Amino acid sequence: MGSTSRRGLLFPGLIFVTFWTIGVTLRLVTGYVQPLLLFGYIGTSLGLGLGLYAWLPKKKKQRARRLTLVLVGGFLLVFMGIVQSENMQIEWVFFSILAGLGGAALTHYLIAKVIGPVIFGRLWCGWACWTLMVLDLLPFQRSPGRQPGRWGAIRYLHFGLSLGIVLLLWFGLAYRDPIHFGSAQGLWWMLGGNALYYAVAVVMAFALRDNRAFCKYACPVSVVLEMTSRFSLLKIEGDPERCNDCGACVIMCPMDIDVLAYLRAGTRVLSTECMLCQTCVTVCAKDALKVTAGLDLGGLDRLRARPDSPARAA
C-alpha cells in the first residue's frame, strides 16, 4: 500500500475512533453495554467501508460505500427496527423529547444528525442511510441536475407535517404510547413510515430520473443536517494546480454540487448538500480532490441546475 493510501486511512481511522469513543463514554455514563456494542459496530462498519474505499482501485471504490450502507443501514433498519422494535424515525424523536425519554432514536439523531455533522458533515447520509441503501440500487446513477423553482421547500413541509402530527397526537389526542425499548406501536410506526418513505422515494426517482430526488427535495432529516453540517470539519477540497477543468466531478456528483465553482473560488466545498460520498474524488482523473479537515463555515450551495432551468446559487 502506497503513501497515498496510508494518508487516505486517516479519515476512516478518525471515524472509527470517534464512534468507539462515543460507545465507551456512553457505556461508562449509563452503565449499559448496549451503546458500546451499537456504536462499536457502526464505527467498525464505517471504518471498514471508508478504509476499503481508500485501498480499492478507482473503479471499485463505490462498492465500499454500498457495502457500508448495507452493514449500517441494514443493521439499523432490520435489527434495531424490526427485531428490537425500536422506531428510528424522526417522529419518534419528537415523541421521545415530549416524553422526556432517551432511547435509540433520540441517541441516533443526536449523534448522527446533530453532534456528528459538526465533525464529519452529512457522512451518515452517504454511507449509512437505510433509505439511500435502497435508492442507490435504482438505475438513475447520473443526476440530470436540480429541479428549478421551490422543490427544495418540500423537505420543510415534510418536517413540519411530521412534527405537526406528533404535536396533534400528543396534545390533542393525549397519545401516550410508552416510547421505549420494545414498543409494539413504535414497531408499526417504523414499518409504516419506512414503507411510505420507500414508496415516495422510488416514485420520485423514476418520475425525475434521479436516484437522490427524495434526498434533495423531500427528506425531513436534511432540515436538521442543513444547519449542523455547516460547521463540519471534514469537507472536500480541490487542488487548482492539478485540476484540468474537465468537469467530471460536477457531472457525476449525485447531489448536483458544482465542485468546480468552489475550486475556482479558492474554497473547500461549502455546500450542505454534500454527503461525502466522494464520487467526485473517485471520478477525478487528476487526483485533484480529497477530503480535508479545517475550520470554515459552510452553507453556500452552488448547485448544477437542469439544462432547461437557469443556473443559480442557493
Protein backbone atom coordinates (compact mmCIF):
# COMPACT_ATOMS: atom_id res chain seq x y z
CA MET A 1 0.00 0.00 0.00
CA GLY A 2 1.44 3.35 -1.05
CA SER A 3 1.77 6.52 0.99
CA THR A 4 -1.36 7.98 -0.67
CA SER A 5 -3.44 5.05 0.56
CA ARG A 6 -1.95 5.36 4.04
CA ARG A 7 -2.93 9.04 4.17
CA GLY A 8 -6.39 8.01 2.99
CA LEU A 9 -6.74 5.77 6.04
CA LEU A 10 -6.58 8.79 8.38
CA PHE A 11 -10.21 9.61 7.55
CA PRO A 12 -11.67 6.14 8.27
CA GLY A 13 -9.42 5.96 11.33
CA LEU A 14 -10.92 9.18 12.67
CA ILE A 15 -14.46 7.89 12.14
CA PHE A 16 -13.61 4.55 13.77
CA VAL A 17 -12.09 6.21 16.84
CA THR A 18 -14.94 8.76 17.12
CA PHE A 19 -17.69 6.14 17.25
CA TRP A 20 -15.82 3.86 19.61
CA THR A 21 -15.16 6.84 21.89
CA ILE A 22 -18.88 7.62 21.91
CA GLY A 23 -19.67 3.98 22.70
CA VAL A 24 -17.17 3.75 25.55
CA THR A 25 -18.33 7.08 27.00
CA LEU A 26 -22.00 6.05 26.96
CA ARG A 27 -21.06 2.69 28.49
CA LEU A 28 -19.34 4.44 31.38
CA VAL A 29 -22.06 7.06 31.86
CA THR A 30 -25.13 4.79 31.58
CA GLY A 31 -23.72 1.51 32.84
CA TYR A 32 -25.28 -0.31 29.89
CA VAL A 33 -23.24 -2.33 27.41
CA GLN A 34 -25.69 -1.80 24.51
CA PRO A 35 -24.35 1.65 23.50
CA LEU A 36 -20.82 0.24 23.35
CA LEU A 37 -21.93 -2.61 21.09
CA LEU A 38 -24.12 -0.34 18.91
CA PHE A 39 -21.62 2.45 18.33
CA GLY A 40 -18.74 0.00 18.19
CA TYR A 41 -20.46 -1.90 15.40
CA ILE A 42 -21.33 1.27 13.48
CA GLY A 43 -17.81 2.69 13.90
CA THR A 44 -16.24 -0.57 12.77
CA SER A 45 -18.54 -0.79 9.73
CA LEU A 46 -17.88 2.81 8.71
CA GLY A 47 -14.16 2.44 9.33
CA LEU A 48 -14.09 -0.76 7.26
CA GLY A 49 -16.03 0.79 4.36
CA LEU A 50 -14.04 4.01 4.31
CA GLY A 51 -10.82 2.04 4.65
CA LEU A 52 -11.74 -0.16 1.70
CA TYR A 53 -12.60 2.97 -0.25
CA ALA A 54 -9.08 4.29 0.36
CA TRP A 55 -7.49 0.96 -0.58
CA LEU A 56 -9.53 -0.20 -3.60
CA PRO A 57 -8.80 0.97 -7.17
CA LYS A 58 -10.98 3.79 -8.51
CA LYS A 59 -13.38 1.63 -10.48
CA LYS A 60 -14.27 -0.36 -7.36
CA LYS A 61 -14.27 2.36 -4.70
CA GLN A 62 -18.03 2.95 -4.69
CA ARG A 63 -18.55 -0.73 -3.88
CA ALA A 64 -17.06 0.00 -0.47
CA ARG A 65 -19.66 2.71 0.15
CA ARG A 66 -22.53 0.43 -0.89
CA LEU A 67 -21.19 -2.30 1.40
CA THR A 68 -21.20 0.16 4.30
CA LEU A 69 -24.76 1.24 3.51
CA VAL A 70 -25.86 -2.38 3.85
CA LEU A 71 -23.82 -3.02 7.01
CA VAL A 72 -25.02 0.08 8.87
CA GLY A 73 -28.34 0.93 7.23
CA GLY A 74 -29.46 -2.68 7.15
CA PHE A 75 -28.45 -3.18 10.78
CA LEU A 76 -30.44 -0.15 11.97
CA LEU A 77 -33.49 -0.99 9.87
CA VAL A 78 -33.66 -4.74 10.39
CA PHE A 79 -32.02 -5.42 13.75
CA MET A 80 -32.71 -2.21 15.69
CA GLY A 81 -36.01 -1.53 13.94
CA ILE A 82 -37.76 -4.82 13.27
CA VAL A 83 -36.04 -7.25 15.66
CA GLN A 84 -35.63 -4.86 18.60
CA SER A 85 -38.83 -2.86 17.86
CA GLU A 86 -37.02 0.48 18.07
CA ASN A 87 -38.57 3.15 15.86
CA MET A 88 -35.63 5.12 14.43
CA GLN A 89 -37.69 7.68 12.52
CA ILE A 90 -37.88 11.39 13.20
CA GLU A 91 -41.44 11.23 14.58
CA TRP A 92 -40.25 9.01 17.42
CA VAL A 93 -37.54 11.51 18.20
CA PHE A 94 -40.24 14.14 18.71
CA PHE A 95 -42.23 11.72 20.89
CA SER A 96 -39.10 10.90 22.93
CA ILE A 97 -38.43 14.59 23.59
CA LEU A 98 -42.03 15.24 24.67
CA ALA A 99 -41.97 12.19 26.96
CA GLY A 100 -38.61 13.18 28.46
CA LEU A 101 -37.11 9.83 27.50
CA GLY A 102 -33.92 8.73 25.82
CA GLY A 103 -33.82 5.65 23.65
CA ALA A 104 -32.17 4.58 20.43
CA ALA A 105 -33.99 7.03 18.16
CA LEU A 106 -33.06 10.14 20.13
CA THR A 107 -29.48 8.96 20.69
CA HIS A 108 -29.12 8.15 17.00
CA TYR A 109 -30.33 11.59 15.92
CA LEU A 110 -28.19 13.44 18.44
CA ILE A 111 -25.05 11.62 17.32
CA ALA A 112 -25.68 11.23 13.58
CA LYS A 113 -27.71 14.36 12.80
CA VAL A 114 -26.78 16.98 15.40
CA ILE A 115 -23.37 16.43 17.02
CA GLY A 116 -21.68 14.19 14.47
CA PRO A 117 -22.15 16.50 11.45
CA VAL A 118 -20.07 19.15 13.21
CA ILE A 119 -17.16 16.78 12.66
CA PHE A 120 -17.99 14.77 9.53
CA GLY A 121 -20.86 16.63 7.87
CA ARG A 122 -23.51 14.52 6.14
CA LEU A 123 -21.34 11.42 6.07
CA TRP A 124 -24.26 9.50 7.55
CA CYS A 125 -26.44 10.26 4.53
CA GLY A 126 -23.89 8.99 2.03
CA TRP A 127 -22.60 5.97 3.93
CA ALA A 128 -25.21 4.72 6.42
CA CYS A 129 -28.77 5.76 5.47
CA TRP A 130 -31.15 2.82 5.06
CA THR A 131 -33.28 4.80 2.59
CA LEU A 132 -30.28 5.54 0.35
CA MET A 133 -29.28 1.88 0.73
CA VAL A 134 -32.27 1.06 -1.50
CA LEU A 135 -32.22 4.16 -3.70
CA ASP A 136 -28.63 3.51 -4.76
CA LEU A 137 -29.82 0.29 -6.43
CA LEU A 138 -32.11 2.18 -8.82
CA PRO A 139 -30.96 2.78 -12.42
CA PHE A 140 -30.58 6.59 -12.43
CA GLN A 141 -26.98 6.89 -11.28
CA ARG A 142 -26.23 10.14 -13.12
CA SER A 143 -28.30 13.10 -11.95
CA PRO A 144 -29.85 15.38 -14.60
CA GLY A 145 -29.40 18.38 -12.28
CA ARG A 146 -31.51 20.25 -9.76
CA GLN A 147 -35.16 20.97 -10.36
CA PRO A 148 -35.96 24.68 -10.71
CA GLY A 149 -38.40 26.56 -8.50
CA ARG A 150 -39.41 25.63 -4.99
CA TRP A 151 -38.82 21.90 -4.95
CA GLY A 152 -36.47 22.31 -2.01
CA ALA A 153 -39.37 23.57 0.12
CA ILE A 154 -40.89 20.06 0.19
CA ARG A 155 -38.39 18.97 2.86
CA TYR A 156 -39.56 21.77 5.18
CA LEU A 157 -43.20 20.87 4.57
CA HIS A 158 -42.39 17.24 5.34
CA PHE A 159 -40.56 18.21 8.54
CA GLY A 160 -43.47 20.43 9.61
CA LEU A 161 -46.00 17.71 8.81
CA SER A 162 -44.11 15.12 10.86
CA LEU A 163 -43.81 17.49 13.82
CA GLY A 164 -47.42 18.61 13.45
CA ILE A 165 -48.76 15.05 13.52
CA VAL A 166 -46.80 14.31 16.70
CA LEU A 167 -47.97 17.50 18.41
CA LEU A 168 -51.59 16.79 17.43
CA LEU A 169 -51.43 13.25 18.78
CA TRP A 170 -49.64 14.29 21.96
CA PHE A 171 -51.55 17.41 22.95
CA GLY A 172 -54.80 16.99 21.04
CA LEU A 173 -55.50 13.28 21.42
CA ALA A 174 -53.45 12.54 24.57
CA TYR A 175 -51.47 9.83 22.77
CA ARG A 176 -49.09 8.35 25.35
CA ASP A 177 -47.73 5.11 23.96
CA PRO A 178 -44.65 4.06 26.01
CA ILE A 179 -41.81 5.31 23.83
CA HIS A 180 -39.07 2.98 24.89
CA PHE A 181 -37.48 -0.31 24.07
CA GLY A 182 -39.81 -2.91 22.56
CA SER A 183 -42.84 -0.66 21.93
CA ALA A 184 -45.30 -2.53 19.68
CA GLN A 185 -46.78 0.70 18.37
CA GLY A 186 -43.29 2.01 17.73
CA LEU A 187 -42.67 -1.02 15.53
CA TRP A 188 -45.80 -0.32 13.48
CA TRP A 189 -44.84 3.34 13.16
CA MET A 190 -41.42 2.30 11.91
CA LEU A 191 -42.75 -0.25 9.42
CA GLY A 192 -45.49 2.01 8.08
CA GLY A 193 -43.29 5.09 7.98
CA ASN A 194 -40.44 3.36 6.16
CA ALA A 195 -42.81 1.76 3.67
CA LEU A 196 -44.18 5.22 2.90
CA TYR A 197 -40.67 6.71 2.64
CA TYR A 198 -39.56 3.99 0.23
CA ALA A 199 -42.69 4.30 -1.89
CA VAL A 200 -42.39 8.09 -2.21
CA ALA A 201 -38.63 7.93 -2.79
CA VAL A 202 -38.90 5.31 -5.57
CA VAL A 203 -41.75 7.16 -7.30
CA MET A 204 -39.75 10.40 -7.16
CA ALA A 205 -36.65 8.67 -8.52
CA PHE A 206 -38.49 7.31 -11.57
CA ALA A 207 -40.53 10.48 -12.12
CA LEU A 208 -37.46 12.75 -12.04
CA ARG A 209 -34.97 10.13 -13.30
CA ASP A 210 -32.81 10.82 -10.27
CA ASN A 211 -31.95 8.30 -7.53
CA ARG A 212 -31.39 11.05 -4.97
CA ALA A 213 -34.58 13.04 -5.67
CA PHE A 214 -36.04 12.20 -2.25
CA CYS A 215 -32.78 13.17 -0.52
CA LYS A 216 -32.67 16.52 -2.34
CA TYR A 217 -36.27 17.62 -2.10
CA ALA A 218 -38.29 15.64 0.46
CA CYS A 219 -36.17 14.17 3.27
CA PRO A 220 -37.15 15.86 6.58
CA VAL A 221 -33.84 14.93 8.23
CA SER A 222 -31.99 17.21 5.80
CA VAL A 223 -33.65 20.19 7.51
CA VAL A 224 -31.59 19.47 10.64
CA LEU A 225 -28.48 18.48 8.70
CA GLU A 226 -28.61 21.70 6.70
CA MET A 227 -27.91 23.59 9.92
CA THR A 228 -25.44 21.29 11.70
CA SER A 229 -23.31 20.28 8.69
CA ARG A 230 -22.37 23.93 8.08
CA PHE A 231 -19.76 23.55 10.80
CA SER A 232 -18.30 20.29 9.51
CA LEU A 233 -14.54 19.97 9.96
CA LEU A 234 -14.35 17.48 7.09
CA LYS A 235 -15.07 18.77 3.58
CA ILE A 236 -13.95 18.15 0.01
CA GLU A 237 -11.02 20.31 -1.10
CA GLY A 238 -9.51 20.74 -4.55
CA ASP A 239 -6.02 21.47 -5.84
CA PRO A 240 -6.24 24.07 -8.66
CA GLU A 241 -2.78 23.12 -9.89
CA ARG A 242 -3.91 19.57 -10.65
CA CYS A 243 -7.40 20.36 -11.97
CA ASN A 244 -7.83 20.44 -15.77
CA ASP A 245 -11.44 21.76 -15.72
CA CYS A 246 -12.84 18.58 -17.30
CA GLY A 247 -15.99 18.92 -15.16
CA ALA A 248 -16.35 15.20 -14.40
CA CYS A 249 -16.78 15.97 -10.69
CA VAL A 250 -19.74 18.24 -11.44
CA ILE A 251 -21.40 15.93 -13.94
CA MET A 252 -21.12 12.85 -11.72
CA CYS A 253 -21.98 14.42 -8.35
CA PRO A 254 -25.24 12.70 -7.31
CA MET A 255 -26.23 15.78 -5.27
CA ASP A 256 -25.64 18.24 -8.16
CA ILE A 257 -22.89 20.21 -6.40
CA ASP A 258 -20.85 22.48 -8.65
CA VAL A 259 -17.49 21.38 -7.27
CA LEU A 260 -15.57 23.44 -9.83
CA ALA A 261 -17.24 26.64 -8.65
CA TYR A 262 -15.75 26.17 -5.18
CA LEU A 263 -12.38 25.23 -6.63
CA ARG A 264 -12.29 28.40 -8.72
CA ALA A 265 -13.34 30.46 -5.71
CA GLY A 266 -10.43 29.06 -3.71
CA THR A 267 -12.61 27.42 -1.04
CA ARG A 268 -13.47 23.93 0.05
CA VAL A 269 -16.87 22.55 -0.96
CA LEU A 270 -19.13 24.54 1.37
CA SER A 271 -22.45 23.07 0.26
CA THR A 272 -24.56 21.48 3.00
CA GLU A 273 -25.84 19.10 0.32
CA CYS A 274 -22.51 17.25 0.25
CA MET A 275 -22.81 13.70 1.63
CA LEU A 276 -19.08 12.95 1.47
CA CYS A 277 -19.85 10.05 -0.84
CA GLN A 278 -16.58 11.04 -2.57
CA THR A 279 -17.90 10.31 -6.06
CA CYS A 280 -16.18 13.50 -7.18
CA VAL A 281 -12.90 12.25 -5.73
CA THR A 282 -13.33 8.91 -7.47
CA VAL A 283 -14.01 10.27 -10.96
CA CYS A 284 -11.26 12.93 -10.91
CA ALA A 285 -8.63 11.70 -13.37
CA LYS A 286 -6.02 14.12 -11.99
CA ASP A 287 -6.49 13.26 -8.29
CA ALA A 288 -7.21 16.93 -7.65
CA LEU A 289 -9.84 16.34 -4.95
CA LYS A 290 -9.62 14.93 -1.44
CA VAL A 291 -11.26 15.09 1.98
CA THR A 292 -9.52 17.54 4.32
CA ALA A 293 -10.05 18.87 7.83
CA GLY A 294 -10.34 22.57 8.52
CA LEU A 295 -12.32 25.41 10.07
CA ASP A 296 -14.71 27.19 7.74
CA LEU A 297 -18.44 27.85 7.65
CA GLY A 298 -20.50 26.04 5.06
CA GLY A 299 -23.91 26.94 3.74
CA LEU A 300 -23.24 28.44 0.31
CA ASP A 301 -24.87 25.91 -2.01
CA ARG A 302 -23.54 26.20 -5.56
CA LEU A 303 -25.60 23.65 -7.45
CA ARG A 304 -25.85 22.46 -11.04
CA ALA A 305 -29.33 23.19 -12.40
CA ARG A 306 -31.09 21.07 -15.01
CA PRO A 307 -30.28 22.07 -18.59
CA ASP A 308 -33.73 23.58 -19.07
CA SER A 309 -33.54 25.79 -15.96
CA PRO A 310 -31.32 28.79 -15.16
CA ALA A 311 -28.25 28.01 -13.06
CA ARG A 312 -28.31 29.64 -9.71
CA ALA A 313 -26.59 29.66 -6.32
CA ALA A 314 -28.90 28.87 -3.43
